[in-house]
Protein backbone atom coordinates (compact mmCIF):
# COMPACT_ATOMS: atom_id res chain seq x y z
CA UNK A 1 112.85 17.20 122.06
CA UNK A 2 113.64 20.18 120.13
CA UNK A 3 110.84 22.44 118.37
CA UNK A 4 112.72 25.33 116.73
CA UNK A 5 110.29 26.91 114.50
CA UNK A 6 107.43 29.42 116.33
CA UNK A 7 103.45 27.92 115.02
CA UNK A 8 102.23 31.57 113.34
CA UNK A 9 105.72 30.75 111.21
CA UNK A 10 105.12 27.60 110.61
CA UNK A 11 102.13 28.03 109.44
CA UNK A 12 102.10 30.40 107.43
CA UNK A 13 104.74 28.33 105.25
CA UNK A 14 101.52 25.71 104.60
CA UNK A 15 101.17 28.05 101.36
CA UNK A 16 104.37 26.80 100.41
CA UNK A 17 102.36 23.44 99.03
CA UNK A 18 100.67 25.38 97.34
CA UNK A 19 103.59 26.79 95.26
CA UNK A 20 104.85 23.80 94.81
CA UNK A 21 101.50 23.17 92.94
CA UNK A 22 101.67 25.45 90.64
CA UNK A 23 105.99 24.89 89.76
CA UNK A 24 104.72 21.62 88.02
CA UNK A 25 102.26 23.94 85.79
CA UNK A 26 104.52 27.03 84.80
CA UNK A 27 106.60 23.75 84.27
CA UNK A 28 103.93 23.01 81.85
CA UNK A 29 103.23 25.80 80.92
CA UNK A 30 103.26 26.59 76.77
CA UNK A 31 104.27 30.25 75.55
CA UNK A 32 101.95 32.17 76.54
CA UNK A 33 98.57 31.61 77.10
CA UNK A 34 97.39 29.67 73.88
CA UNK A 35 93.48 28.87 74.13
CA UNK A 36 93.44 23.94 74.21
CA UNK A 37 89.36 24.57 73.99
CA UNK A 38 86.39 27.20 74.53
CA UNK A 39 83.14 26.45 76.32
CA UNK A 40 80.77 29.37 75.21
CA UNK A 41 82.86 32.40 75.70
CA UNK A 42 85.19 30.65 78.52
CA UNK A 43 88.57 29.99 77.32
CA UNK A 44 90.81 26.46 78.83
CA UNK A 45 94.14 27.99 78.51
CA UNK A 46 97.19 25.11 78.16
CA UNK A 47 98.07 26.46 81.46
CA UNK A 48 95.54 25.36 83.19
CA UNK A 49 94.86 22.55 80.79
CA UNK A 50 98.83 21.24 82.03
CA UNK A 51 98.27 22.13 85.74
CA UNK A 52 95.10 19.77 85.15
CA UNK A 53 96.90 16.87 83.27
CA UNK A 54 99.55 17.09 86.57
CA UNK A 55 96.53 16.60 88.83
CA UNK A 56 95.23 13.53 86.77
CA UNK A 57 95.36 10.27 88.21
CA UNK A 58 98.68 7.91 86.87
CA UNK A 59 96.03 5.62 85.42
CA UNK A 60 94.25 8.79 83.21
CA UNK A 61 98.16 9.89 81.75
CA UNK A 62 99.36 6.56 81.36
CA UNK A 63 96.82 5.96 78.63
CA UNK A 64 98.36 6.66 75.16
CA UNK A 65 99.48 10.87 75.11
CA UNK A 66 95.86 11.58 72.55
CA UNK A 67 94.41 9.82 74.51
CA UNK A 68 95.30 11.06 77.44
CA UNK A 69 94.45 14.34 76.91
CA UNK A 70 91.27 14.11 75.42
CA UNK A 71 90.73 12.52 78.92
CA UNK A 72 91.28 15.41 80.80
CA UNK A 73 90.24 18.03 78.79
CA UNK A 74 86.82 15.73 78.11
CA UNK A 75 86.89 16.34 82.27
CA UNK A 76 87.49 20.10 82.35
CA UNK A 77 84.91 20.79 79.95
CA UNK A 78 82.21 18.55 81.29
CA UNK A 79 82.89 20.47 85.10
CA UNK A 80 82.60 23.96 82.96
CA UNK A 81 79.36 22.59 81.50
CA UNK A 82 78.07 22.03 84.41
CA UNK A 83 78.95 24.18 86.55
CA UNK A 84 77.57 27.50 83.57
CA UNK A 85 74.50 25.30 83.03
CA UNK A 86 73.83 25.59 87.48
CA UNK A 87 75.22 29.61 86.83
CA UNK A 88 71.81 29.56 85.01
CA UNK A 89 69.65 27.66 87.24
CA UNK A 90 70.26 30.23 89.29
CA UNK A 91 72.48 27.23 91.50
CA UNK A 92 74.93 30.60 92.69
CA UNK A 93 72.84 31.80 94.52
CA UNK A 94 74.06 30.33 98.00
CA UNK A 95 75.44 31.79 100.79
CA UNK A 96 77.77 29.09 101.94
CA UNK A 97 78.78 28.75 98.35
CA UNK A 98 80.39 32.44 97.79
CA UNK A 99 81.93 31.64 101.17
CA UNK A 100 83.72 29.82 99.99
CA UNK A 101 85.00 30.18 97.34
CA UNK A 102 85.66 33.17 98.82
CA UNK A 103 87.91 31.57 101.29
CA UNK A 104 89.58 29.83 98.66
CA UNK A 105 90.06 33.20 96.67
CA UNK A 106 91.59 34.72 99.76
CA UNK A 107 94.20 31.42 99.84
CA UNK A 108 95.49 32.26 97.01
CA UNK A 109 95.42 36.33 97.77
CA UNK A 110 98.06 34.53 100.30
CA UNK A 111 99.58 32.76 98.26
CA UNK A 112 100.95 35.51 96.18
CA UNK A 113 100.93 37.96 99.43
CA UNK A 114 103.32 34.98 99.96
CA UNK A 115 105.78 35.29 96.76
CA UNK A 116 106.10 39.24 96.89
CA UNK A 117 107.09 39.61 100.32
CA UNK A 118 109.12 36.48 101.16
CA UNK A 119 110.10 34.16 98.74
CA UNK A 120 110.56 37.68 95.81
CA UNK A 121 113.21 39.10 98.51
CA UNK A 122 114.97 36.22 99.25
CA UNK A 123 118.57 35.22 97.55
CA UNK A 124 121.41 32.96 99.03
CA UNK A 125 124.76 34.19 97.84
CA UNK A 126 126.97 31.31 96.10
CA UNK A 127 129.24 31.72 99.35
CA UNK A 128 126.92 31.13 101.55
CA UNK A 129 126.40 27.53 99.40
CA UNK A 130 129.99 26.78 100.33
CA UNK A 131 129.59 27.56 103.88
CA UNK A 132 126.58 24.76 103.88
CA UNK A 133 128.55 22.59 101.36
CA UNK A 134 130.91 22.57 103.89
CA UNK A 135 129.00 22.24 106.32
CA UNK A 136 126.88 20.00 105.86
CA UNK A 137 130.60 17.69 105.25
CA UNK A 138 130.88 18.00 108.75
CA UNK A 139 129.19 15.93 110.93
CA UNK A 140 128.64 16.68 115.24
CA UNK A 141 128.38 14.65 118.01
CA UNK A 142 126.39 16.28 120.43
CA UNK A 143 125.33 16.03 123.97
CA UNK A 144 121.77 18.47 123.86
CA UNK A 145 120.13 19.60 127.79
CA UNK A 146 116.78 20.98 128.22
CA UNK A 147 114.69 22.68 130.81
CA UNK A 148 111.43 25.04 131.16
CA UNK A 149 113.17 26.43 133.50
CA UNK A 150 116.13 29.26 132.79
CA UNK A 151 118.07 28.91 136.02
CA UNK A 152 118.61 25.31 135.79
CA UNK A 153 119.93 26.23 131.87
CA UNK A 154 122.73 28.35 132.68
CA UNK A 155 123.69 25.82 135.39
CA UNK A 156 124.01 23.58 132.77
CA UNK A 157 126.13 25.74 130.94
CA UNK A 158 128.12 26.91 133.54
CA UNK A 159 129.25 23.93 134.12
CA UNK A 160 127.93 23.93 137.32
CA UNK A 161 125.33 20.92 137.35
CA UNK A 162 124.82 18.02 134.86
CA UNK A 163 121.07 17.31 133.25
CA UNK A 164 120.46 13.97 131.37
CA UNK A 165 121.20 14.21 127.68
CA UNK A 166 118.08 14.63 125.68
CA UNK A 167 117.95 13.67 121.56
CA UNK A 168 117.63 16.63 119.18
CA UNK A 169 114.72 14.98 117.69
CA UNK A 170 112.31 11.88 117.31
CA UNK A 171 114.59 9.42 114.64
CA UNK A 172 118.25 10.90 115.47
CA UNK A 173 121.69 8.76 115.38
CA UNK A 174 123.01 7.77 118.71
CA UNK A 175 126.36 6.56 119.18
CA UNK A 176 128.08 5.89 122.19
CA UNK A 177 130.52 8.04 123.43
CA UNK A 178 133.18 6.91 125.90
CA UNK A 179 133.78 9.61 128.71
CA UNK A 180 130.27 11.20 127.26
CA UNK A 181 127.93 8.09 127.19
CA UNK A 182 125.22 8.59 124.51
CA UNK A 183 125.52 11.24 122.13
CA UNK A 184 123.49 11.96 118.65
CA UNK A 185 125.10 12.31 115.53
CA UNK A 186 123.61 15.36 113.64
CA UNK A 187 124.62 16.70 110.16
CA UNK A 188 124.23 20.12 108.98
CA UNK A 189 121.19 18.70 106.81
CA UNK A 190 119.10 17.54 109.79
CA UNK A 191 118.78 20.22 112.30
CA UNK A 192 116.86 23.64 111.91
CA UNK A 193 119.18 26.91 111.53
CA UNK A 194 118.74 28.62 114.37
CA UNK A 195 120.93 25.00 116.39
CA UNK A 196 122.82 24.66 113.62
CA UNK A 197 123.86 28.13 114.18
CA UNK A 198 124.38 27.29 117.17
CA UNK A 199 126.67 24.46 117.07
CA UNK A 200 129.00 24.94 113.81
CA UNK A 201 130.46 27.76 115.55
CA UNK A 202 130.57 26.28 118.88
CA UNK A 203 134.32 25.12 119.99
CA UNK A 204 134.40 21.95 121.13
CA UNK A 205 133.20 19.95 124.12
CA UNK A 206 132.13 23.62 125.83
CA UNK A 207 128.85 24.38 126.54
CA UNK A 208 126.36 26.99 124.34
CA UNK A 209 125.04 29.49 126.02
CA UNK A 210 121.08 28.91 126.61
CA UNK A 211 118.78 27.96 123.62
CA UNK A 212 115.43 29.49 123.76
CA UNK A 213 113.30 27.86 121.06
CA UNK A 214 109.13 30.12 122.60
CA UNK A 215 109.23 27.06 124.83
CA UNK A 216 112.21 25.18 126.49
CA UNK A 217 115.75 26.23 126.94
CA UNK A 218 118.46 24.42 125.23
CA UNK A 219 122.04 24.01 126.16
CA UNK A 220 125.05 22.13 123.55
CA UNK A 221 128.23 20.54 123.54
CA UNK A 222 130.25 19.35 120.80
CA UNK A 223 132.46 16.29 121.52
CA UNK A 224 133.45 15.09 118.72
CA UNK A 225 133.61 16.39 115.44
CA UNK A 226 134.21 14.02 111.75
CA UNK A 227 135.59 16.41 108.53
CA UNK A 228 135.58 14.91 105.60
CA UNK A 229 139.33 15.96 104.86
CA UNK A 230 139.51 16.57 100.88
CA UNK A 231 136.25 18.93 99.42
CA UNK A 232 136.12 18.40 95.89
CA UNK A 233 134.26 21.35 93.75
CA UNK A 234 133.15 18.52 91.49
CA UNK A 235 131.12 17.59 94.88
CA UNK A 236 130.06 20.64 95.54
CA UNK A 237 128.39 21.50 91.54
CA UNK A 238 126.84 18.18 92.34
CA UNK A 239 124.59 19.27 95.68
CA UNK A 240 125.02 22.95 95.40
CA UNK A 241 120.90 23.02 93.76
CA UNK A 242 119.40 20.91 97.13
CA UNK A 243 121.94 23.27 99.45
CA UNK A 244 120.79 26.28 97.30
CA UNK A 245 116.93 24.62 98.40
CA UNK A 246 117.83 23.86 101.80
CA UNK A 247 119.31 27.80 102.19
CA UNK A 248 116.39 29.19 100.63
CA UNK A 249 114.09 27.60 102.56
CA UNK A 250 115.34 28.62 105.85
CA UNK A 251 115.68 31.88 104.69
CA UNK A 252 111.88 32.16 103.90
CA UNK A 253 111.23 30.35 106.79
CA UNK A 254 113.04 33.44 109.09
CA UNK A 255 111.43 35.99 106.52
CA UNK A 256 107.56 35.18 106.71
CA UNK A 257 107.94 34.68 110.30
CA UNK A 258 109.07 37.94 110.70
CA UNK A 259 106.30 39.58 108.45
CA UNK A 260 103.67 38.01 110.15
CA UNK A 261 104.72 38.79 113.82
CA UNK A 262 104.82 42.54 111.79
CA UNK A 263 101.43 42.53 110.45
CA UNK A 264 99.46 40.52 113.18
CA UNK A 265 101.58 42.88 115.65
CA UNK A 266 98.45 44.97 116.10
CA UNK A 267 95.44 43.00 115.60
CA UNK A 268 95.62 41.96 119.68
CA UNK A 269 93.19 38.68 119.07
CA UNK A 270 91.03 36.90 121.71
CA UNK A 271 90.12 33.98 121.68
CA UNK A 272 86.57 34.06 123.24
CA UNK A 273 86.96 30.89 125.80
CA UNK A 274 83.15 30.77 125.98
CA UNK A 275 82.57 29.52 122.89
CA UNK A 276 85.88 27.96 122.24
CA UNK A 277 84.78 25.43 125.15
CA UNK A 278 81.41 24.96 123.80
CA UNK A 279 83.03 23.93 119.89
CA UNK A 280 85.97 21.86 122.29
CA UNK A 281 82.69 19.58 124.56
CA UNK A 282 81.96 19.06 120.61
CA UNK A 283 84.37 18.21 118.45
CA UNK A 284 85.04 15.84 121.68
CA UNK A 285 81.78 14.28 121.94
CA UNK A 286 82.33 13.10 118.45
CA UNK A 287 85.67 11.76 119.09
CA UNK A 288 87.23 8.79 116.85
CA UNK A 289 86.85 5.45 118.64
CA UNK A 290 89.58 4.38 120.69
CA UNK A 291 91.44 2.50 117.79
CA UNK A 292 91.84 5.53 115.03
CA UNK A 293 94.28 7.52 115.31
CA UNK A 294 94.99 9.97 118.17
CA UNK A 295 95.81 12.79 115.86
CA UNK A 296 93.80 13.15 112.50
CA UNK A 297 91.58 15.75 110.52
CA UNK A 298 87.89 16.13 111.45
CA UNK A 299 85.86 14.57 108.86
CA UNK A 300 83.18 16.59 106.74
CA UNK A 301 80.01 14.57 108.03
CA UNK A 302 81.07 15.36 111.86
CA UNK A 303 81.83 19.74 110.21
CA UNK A 304 78.24 19.56 109.08
CA UNK A 305 76.73 17.46 112.28
CA UNK A 306 78.26 20.55 113.90
CA UNK A 307 76.41 23.57 111.63
CA UNK A 308 73.55 21.49 112.61
CA UNK A 309 73.63 22.28 116.26
CA UNK A 310 71.72 25.76 118.18
CA UNK A 311 72.18 28.31 115.36
CA UNK A 312 72.25 30.42 118.71
CA UNK A 313 76.20 28.77 119.14
CA UNK A 314 77.30 29.48 115.17
CA UNK A 315 76.56 32.68 115.52
CA UNK A 316 79.12 32.96 119.37
CA UNK A 317 81.79 35.48 117.56
CA UNK A 318 84.67 33.24 118.94
CA UNK A 319 87.54 35.25 118.05
CA UNK A 320 87.77 39.78 118.36
CA UNK A 321 90.64 40.85 116.58
CA UNK A 322 91.16 45.07 115.96
CA UNK A 323 89.84 44.20 111.88
CA UNK A 324 87.49 42.39 112.21
CA UNK A 325 86.17 38.99 113.95
CA UNK A 326 85.32 35.86 113.30
CA UNK A 327 82.52 33.17 114.53
CA UNK A 328 81.90 29.23 115.17
CA UNK A 329 80.33 29.38 111.68
CA UNK A 330 83.44 31.41 110.13
CA UNK A 331 85.18 29.03 111.61
CA UNK A 332 83.55 25.70 111.06
CA UNK A 333 83.95 26.81 106.52
CA UNK A 334 87.25 27.39 107.13
CA UNK A 335 88.10 24.30 108.49
CA UNK A 336 86.47 22.48 105.26
CA UNK A 337 88.34 24.77 103.36
CA UNK A 338 91.57 24.21 104.99
CA UNK A 339 92.21 21.32 107.44
CA UNK A 340 94.30 21.39 109.98
CA UNK A 341 94.86 17.78 112.11
CA UNK A 342 93.42 18.17 115.31
CA UNK A 343 95.17 15.54 118.75
CA UNK A 344 92.13 13.57 120.23
CA UNK A 345 94.39 12.23 123.13
CA UNK A 346 92.63 14.94 125.63
CA UNK A 347 90.01 17.05 125.52
CA UNK A 348 92.45 19.90 126.81
CA UNK A 349 94.82 18.21 123.69
CA UNK A 350 91.35 19.37 121.44
CA UNK A 351 90.79 23.01 123.07
CA UNK A 352 94.58 23.15 122.42
CA UNK A 353 93.88 22.19 118.64
CA UNK A 354 91.15 24.25 117.95
CA UNK A 355 92.56 27.71 119.67
CA UNK A 356 95.30 26.86 117.42
CA UNK A 357 93.37 26.35 114.31
CA UNK A 358 91.36 29.79 115.09
CA UNK A 359 94.83 31.56 115.53
CA UNK A 360 95.63 30.07 112.07
CA UNK A 361 92.15 31.28 110.61
CA UNK A 362 92.56 34.66 112.00
CA UNK A 363 96.36 35.12 110.48
CA UNK A 364 94.67 34.18 107.36
CA UNK A 365 91.96 36.82 106.76
CA UNK A 366 94.16 39.69 108.00
CA UNK A 367 96.55 38.50 105.26
CA UNK A 368 94.33 38.45 102.94
CA UNK A 369 92.58 41.83 104.07
CA UNK A 370 96.54 42.95 103.51
CA UNK A 371 96.80 41.66 100.24
CA UNK A 372 93.45 42.80 98.55
CA UNK A 373 94.82 46.26 100.15
CA UNK A 374 97.49 45.51 98.01
CA UNK A 375 95.92 44.49 95.56
CA UNK A 376 96.82 40.85 94.44
CA UNK A 377 93.28 40.14 94.46
CA UNK A 378 93.32 41.68 90.49
CA UNK A 379 96.56 38.66 90.24
CA UNK A 380 95.77 36.51 86.49
CA UNK A 381 96.44 33.20 89.39
CA UNK A 382 93.57 34.97 91.64
CA UNK A 383 91.08 35.40 89.08
CA UNK A 384 91.55 32.04 88.10
CA UNK A 385 92.13 29.96 91.31
CA UNK A 386 88.54 32.08 92.57
CA UNK A 387 87.30 30.30 88.64
CA UNK A 388 88.45 26.89 88.95
CA UNK A 389 86.67 26.55 92.62
CA UNK A 390 83.71 28.59 92.10
CA UNK A 391 83.09 26.34 88.83
CA UNK A 392 84.46 23.65 90.62
CA UNK A 393 81.71 24.12 93.97
CA UNK A 394 78.77 24.66 91.37
CA UNK A 395 79.43 21.69 89.48
CA UNK A 396 78.71 19.49 92.67
CA UNK A 397 75.61 21.13 93.34
CA UNK A 398 74.82 20.25 89.56
CA UNK A 399 75.71 16.37 89.89
CA UNK A 400 73.40 16.84 93.51
CA UNK A 401 70.79 17.93 90.79
CA UNK A 402 71.08 15.84 88.54
CA UNK A 403 70.83 13.06 90.41
CA UNK A 404 67.36 13.91 92.81
CA UNK A 405 65.74 14.64 89.05
CA UNK A 406 66.85 10.82 88.14
CA UNK A 407 65.59 9.16 91.47
CA UNK A 408 62.87 11.12 91.85
CA UNK A 409 61.56 9.91 87.83
CA UNK A 410 63.25 6.12 88.59
CA UNK A 411 62.23 5.58 92.74
CA UNK A 412 62.14 1.96 91.51
CA UNK A 413 65.69 2.07 90.10
CA UNK A 414 65.90 -2.08 89.76
CA UNK A 415 63.23 -1.96 86.78
CA UNK A 416 64.33 1.86 85.54
CA UNK A 417 64.76 1.81 81.87
CA UNK A 418 67.55 4.48 81.82
CA UNK A 419 70.59 3.28 84.49
CA UNK A 420 72.00 6.83 85.62
CA UNK A 421 75.10 6.83 84.09
CA UNK A 422 73.38 6.99 81.04
CA UNK A 423 71.31 9.07 82.25
CA UNK A 424 73.85 11.82 82.97
CA UNK A 425 76.01 10.95 79.90
CA UNK A 426 72.75 12.14 77.98
CA UNK A 427 72.13 14.76 80.11
CA UNK A 428 76.42 16.31 79.96
CA UNK A 429 76.11 15.51 76.19
CA UNK A 430 73.01 18.00 75.71
CA UNK A 431 74.76 20.63 77.76
CA UNK A 432 77.73 20.25 75.76
CA UNK A 433 76.03 20.23 72.34
CA UNK A 434 73.65 23.59 73.05
CA UNK A 435 77.33 25.41 74.32
CA UNK A 436 78.86 24.82 71.39
CA UNK A 437 82.55 23.91 72.14
CA UNK A 438 85.40 23.64 69.75
CA UNK A 439 89.14 22.12 70.79
CA UNK A 440 92.37 23.89 69.57
CA UNK A 441 93.48 19.81 68.78
CA UNK A 442 96.90 21.13 67.95
CA UNK A 443 97.64 23.33 70.39
CA UNK A 444 96.43 20.59 72.71
CA UNK A 445 98.89 18.24 71.36
CA UNK A 446 101.67 20.72 71.73
CA UNK A 447 101.55 21.62 75.72
CA UNK A 448 104.36 20.92 77.08
CA UNK A 449 104.02 18.06 80.82
CA UNK A 450 106.68 16.87 83.33
CA UNK A 451 106.64 13.24 81.68
CA UNK A 452 107.01 14.97 78.49
CA UNK A 453 109.63 12.36 76.62
CA UNK A 454 109.18 9.50 78.92
CA UNK A 455 108.35 6.00 77.94
CA UNK A 456 104.32 6.01 79.11
CA UNK A 457 102.74 3.37 81.24
CA UNK A 458 106.19 2.97 83.55
CA UNK A 459 106.19 1.78 87.11
CA UNK A 460 108.99 1.46 89.44
CA UNK A 461 108.79 -2.66 90.54
CA UNK A 462 108.83 -3.47 94.39
CA UNK A 463 111.54 -5.86 95.13
CA UNK A 464 111.07 -8.27 97.31
CA UNK A 465 114.06 -10.67 99.39
CA UNK A 466 113.00 -14.25 100.23
CA UNK A 467 113.41 -14.92 103.89
């Protein structure tokens, strides 16, 4: 199988997931930052409401329009009043909470860094779109050979030896071609840019020069080409947007990889083997059962249990780099904020997964420090992200306190006169009344959402065929 993108590139591009969420909110933004509600001095803007609306469960958004908006706004207000009370009660005086908020802030800074240094500089010309359109209408039938040895790949390229055909990627369509055996049927949309650049200029039936992807050497041979005879302008225009998106993404991948490598070049990152090995042992001991998927996230429960191990171990430095260091404790907090899947195929794959995660968290830290130097931490989107994350964490701490208060006062809940739900409702209602909440109904109803104008309570129908 061929995997082209370097790890450092792919991991930085996870930021683009956050950008997609921001796009939804921006699409739904009412002009300016009109307030839809005020909780004391805290303003809930049209943009913040729109984002909450897009993230709300469909069970809420499918309700009657004004009812859905009121319910979502009530949830926002409830979160804020609880967070403000937690603030007054000093629940923010928690080093773990402060560190967690800081990490969320740094992810927001990295998002702005991506926008500034990767997305903004990238441009896609019409000529590139037209070339991509032509390529997308061309099907290639390809033989692919791969080897970890450069000399073998060179001999295949020269036609001296033959290696067994290897599928380009999982799920690729294969056909039996007379004289060649099984070959891959591929389209421009299916393959990475670096491979497309090789295949679409390779003379038919000639072998390519060895192509190194960072791990293996690859040699290609195009044995057949199928092209659409006529390329129509209206077809190009119909596909232009999707082609533009593919080209934009591929260019961003390349630029982001180069940018990260430039920033990290002088960091001299060192992963400490002793700390990594001990962390691997702890994670491996708590590995999932044999019936669980071999690749999955470490659960919060497991992370919490790891934090209760030796305090001395948590202080171990696991990564050192030119501008700082990270301890095992730092890595566990990072993991809760920004988790990655761990491969449980073997203890060795667990170690490799953890090593990659540590490298990613080092990179995130270095990038965010760069963003702070560029004053990106002062951008409104970063401040809003920090505020929202802090409120959410404080709200959870306040909910835990309310629950403790209730159960301390009602040790025998079966005979309690007041049920937990009513206790909580009365508690939050009192907080809300004390905050003098003001709602701007006209502004609330004027916020545009991505389902505006659509009939509500619509579901896709699953068609099944009787056998």
